[in-house]
Amino acid sequence: MFDNEEIGIPCPECGHETSRPVAWVKANDELPCRRCGTAIVLANEKHLITIEQVARNMTKLRRSLAKFRRNARGARWHRW
C-alpha cells in the first residue's frame, strides 16, 4: 500500500536522515549513512512497527472517509 512512499531514516551516530521507499526498507537489513558511514540497522522492529502503524491508521482513515461519503450522499441538505 505504501511501498513507494519515502521514509526518513536517521543515523544513530550523527543524526543525518536518509530517505528510502518503504519497500526498500522492508527488503534491506542495513543502510550506510551518507554522512558518517555508520551502518544503520534496518531489521530492527522499530522501523517495521512504525510502518505497520502508519498503514493501519491510513486504513482507518480511508474507512472513515468512505463512511462519511456514504452518509453525505444519503443526507438531505436544506436551506433555511
C-alpha atoms as a PDB file:
ATOM      1  CA  MET A   1       0.000   0.000   0.000  1.00  0.00           C
ATOM      2  CA  PHE A   2       2.724   2.466   0.973  1.00  0.00           C
ATOM      3  CA  ASP A   3       5.656   0.721  -0.638  1.00  0.00           C
ATOM      4  CA  ASN A   4       6.518   3.698  -2.847  1.00  0.00           C
ATOM      5  CA  GLU A   5       6.293   6.263  -0.046  1.00  0.00           C
ATOM      6  CA  GLU A   6       9.568   7.614   1.309  1.00  0.00           C
ATOM      7  CA  ILE A   7      10.528   7.091   4.945  1.00  0.00           C
ATOM      8  CA  GLY A   8      13.234   9.099   6.688  1.00  0.00           C
ATOM      9  CA  ILE A   9      15.854   7.012   8.482  1.00  0.00           C
ATOM     10  CA  PRO A  10      18.030   8.881  10.985  1.00  0.00           C
ATOM     11  CA  CYS A  11      21.601   7.812  11.669  1.00  0.00           C
ATOM     12  CA  PRO A  12      22.044   6.839  15.332  1.00  0.00           C
ATOM     13  CA  GLU A  13      25.583   8.304  15.316  1.00  0.00           C
ATOM     14  CA  CYS A  14      25.379  11.681  13.554  1.00  0.00           C
ATOM     15  CA  GLY A  15      21.616  12.226  13.160  1.00  0.00           C
ATOM     16  CA  HIS A  16      21.760  12.645   9.373  1.00  0.00           C
ATOM     17  CA  GLU A  17      18.491  11.467   7.822  1.00  0.00           C
ATOM     18  CA  THR A  18      18.393   9.402   4.651  1.00  0.00           C
ATOM     19  CA  SER A  19      15.129   8.738   2.805  1.00  0.00           C
ATOM     20  CA  ARG A  20      14.276   5.440   1.172  1.00  0.00           C
ATOM     21  CA  PRO A  21      10.996   3.939  -0.113  1.00  0.00           C
ATOM     22  CA  VAL A  22       9.130   1.744   2.372  1.00  0.00           C
ATOM     23  CA  ALA A  23       9.572  -1.286   0.076  1.00  0.00           C
ATOM     24  CA  TRP A  24      13.343  -0.737   0.133  1.00  0.00           C
ATOM     25  CA  VAL A  25      13.375  -0.537   3.937  1.00  0.00           C
ATOM     26  CA  LYS A  26      11.367  -3.759   4.196  1.00  0.00           C
ATOM     27  CA  ALA A  27      13.720  -5.573   1.808  1.00  0.00           C
ATOM     28  CA  ASN A  28      17.067  -4.487   3.295  1.00  0.00           C
ATOM     29  CA  ASP A  29      18.798  -5.090   6.606  1.00  0.00           C
ATOM     30  CA  GLU A  30      21.041  -2.051   6.778  1.00  0.00           C
ATOM     31  CA  LEU A  31      21.789   1.301   5.202  1.00  0.00           C
ATOM     32  CA  PRO A  32      25.143   3.105   5.267  1.00  0.00           C
ATOM     33  CA  CYS A  33      24.878   6.696   6.457  1.00  0.00           C
ATOM     34  CA  ARG A  34      25.901   9.071   3.677  1.00  0.00           C
ATOM     35  CA  ARG A  35      27.454  11.489   6.150  1.00  0.00           C
ATOM     36  CA  CYS A  36      29.485   9.351   8.572  1.00  0.00           C
ATOM     37  CA  GLY A  37      29.380   5.848   7.033  1.00  0.00           C
ATOM     38  CA  THR A  38      27.768   4.174  10.053  1.00  0.00           C
ATOM     39  CA  ALA A  39      25.756   1.058   9.182  1.00  0.00           C
ATOM     40  CA  ILE A  40      22.159   1.822  10.172  1.00  0.00           C
ATOM     41  CA  VAL A  41      20.434  -1.432  11.118  1.00  0.00           C
ATOM     42  CA  LEU A  42      17.013  -1.609   9.469  1.00  0.00           C
ATOM     43  CA  ALA A  43      15.987  -5.083  10.547  1.00  0.00           C
ATOM     44  CA  ASN A  44      15.038  -3.815  13.984  1.00  0.00           C
ATOM     45  CA  GLU A  45      11.378  -3.855  14.869  1.00  0.00           C
ATOM     46  CA  LYS A  46      11.139  -0.089  15.429  1.00  0.00           C
ATOM     47  CA  HIS A  47      11.051   0.781  11.726  1.00  0.00           C
ATOM     48  CA  LEU A  48       8.738  -2.073  10.814  1.00  0.00           C
ATOM     49  CA  ILE A  49       6.350  -1.286  13.674  1.00  0.00           C
ATOM     50  CA  THR A  50       6.189   2.354  12.601  1.00  0.00           C
ATOM     51  CA  ILE A  51       5.401   1.347   9.016  1.00  0.00           C
ATOM     52  CA  GLU A  52       2.658  -1.005  10.172  1.00  0.00           C
ATOM     53  CA  GLN A  53       1.143   1.634  12.479  1.00  0.00           C
ATOM     54  CA  VAL A  54       1.002   4.151   9.658  1.00  0.00           C
ATOM     55  CA  ALA A  55      -0.590   1.565   7.358  1.00  0.00           C
ATOM     56  CA  ARG A  56      -3.256   0.736   9.975  1.00  0.00           C
ATOM     57  CA  ASN A  57      -4.012   4.404  10.589  1.00  0.00           C
ATOM     58  CA  MET A  58      -4.353   5.069   6.868  1.00  0.00           C
ATOM     59  CA  THR A  59      -6.760   2.130   6.546  1.00  0.00           C
ATOM     60  CA  LYS A  60      -8.873   3.543   9.385  1.00  0.00           C
ATOM     61  CA  LEU A  61      -8.837   6.975   7.751  1.00  0.00           C
ATOM     62  CA  ARG A  62      -9.940   5.541   4.389  1.00  0.00           C
ATOM     63  CA  ARG A  63     -12.802   3.667   6.071  1.00  0.00           C
ATOM     64  CA  SER A  64     -13.895   6.807   7.921  1.00  0.00           C
ATOM     65  CA  LEU A  65     -13.836   8.853   4.729  1.00  0.00           C
ATOM     66  CA  ALA A  66     -15.831   6.205   2.856  1.00  0.00           C
ATOM     67  CA  LYS A  67     -18.419   6.150   5.653  1.00  0.00           C
ATOM     68  CA  PHE A  68     -18.579   9.955   5.618  1.00  0.00           C
ATOM     69  CA  ARG A  69     -19.130   9.975   1.839  1.00  0.00           C
ATOM     70  CA  ARG A  70     -21.926   7.391   2.111  1.00  0.00           C
ATOM     71  CA  ASN A  71     -23.621   9.382   4.865  1.00  0.00           C
ATOM     72  CA  ALA A  72     -23.209  12.657   2.957  1.00  0.00           C
ATOM     73  CA  ARG A  73     -24.853  11.199  -0.154  1.00  0.00           C
ATOM     74  CA  GLY A  74     -27.835   9.992   1.846  1.00  0.00           C
ATOM     75  CA  ALA A  75     -28.306  13.213   3.778  1.00  0.00           C
ATOM     76  CA  ARG A  76     -30.587  15.932   2.517  1.00  0.00           C
ATOM     77  CA  TRP A  77     -29.226  19.419   2.848  1.00  0.00           C
ATOM     78  CA  HIS A  78     -31.831  22.088   3.468  1.00  0.00           C
ATOM     79  CA  ARG A  79     -31.508  25.810   3.070  1.00  0.00           C
ATOM     80  CA  TRP A  80     -33.378  27.675   5.701  1.00  0.00           C
END
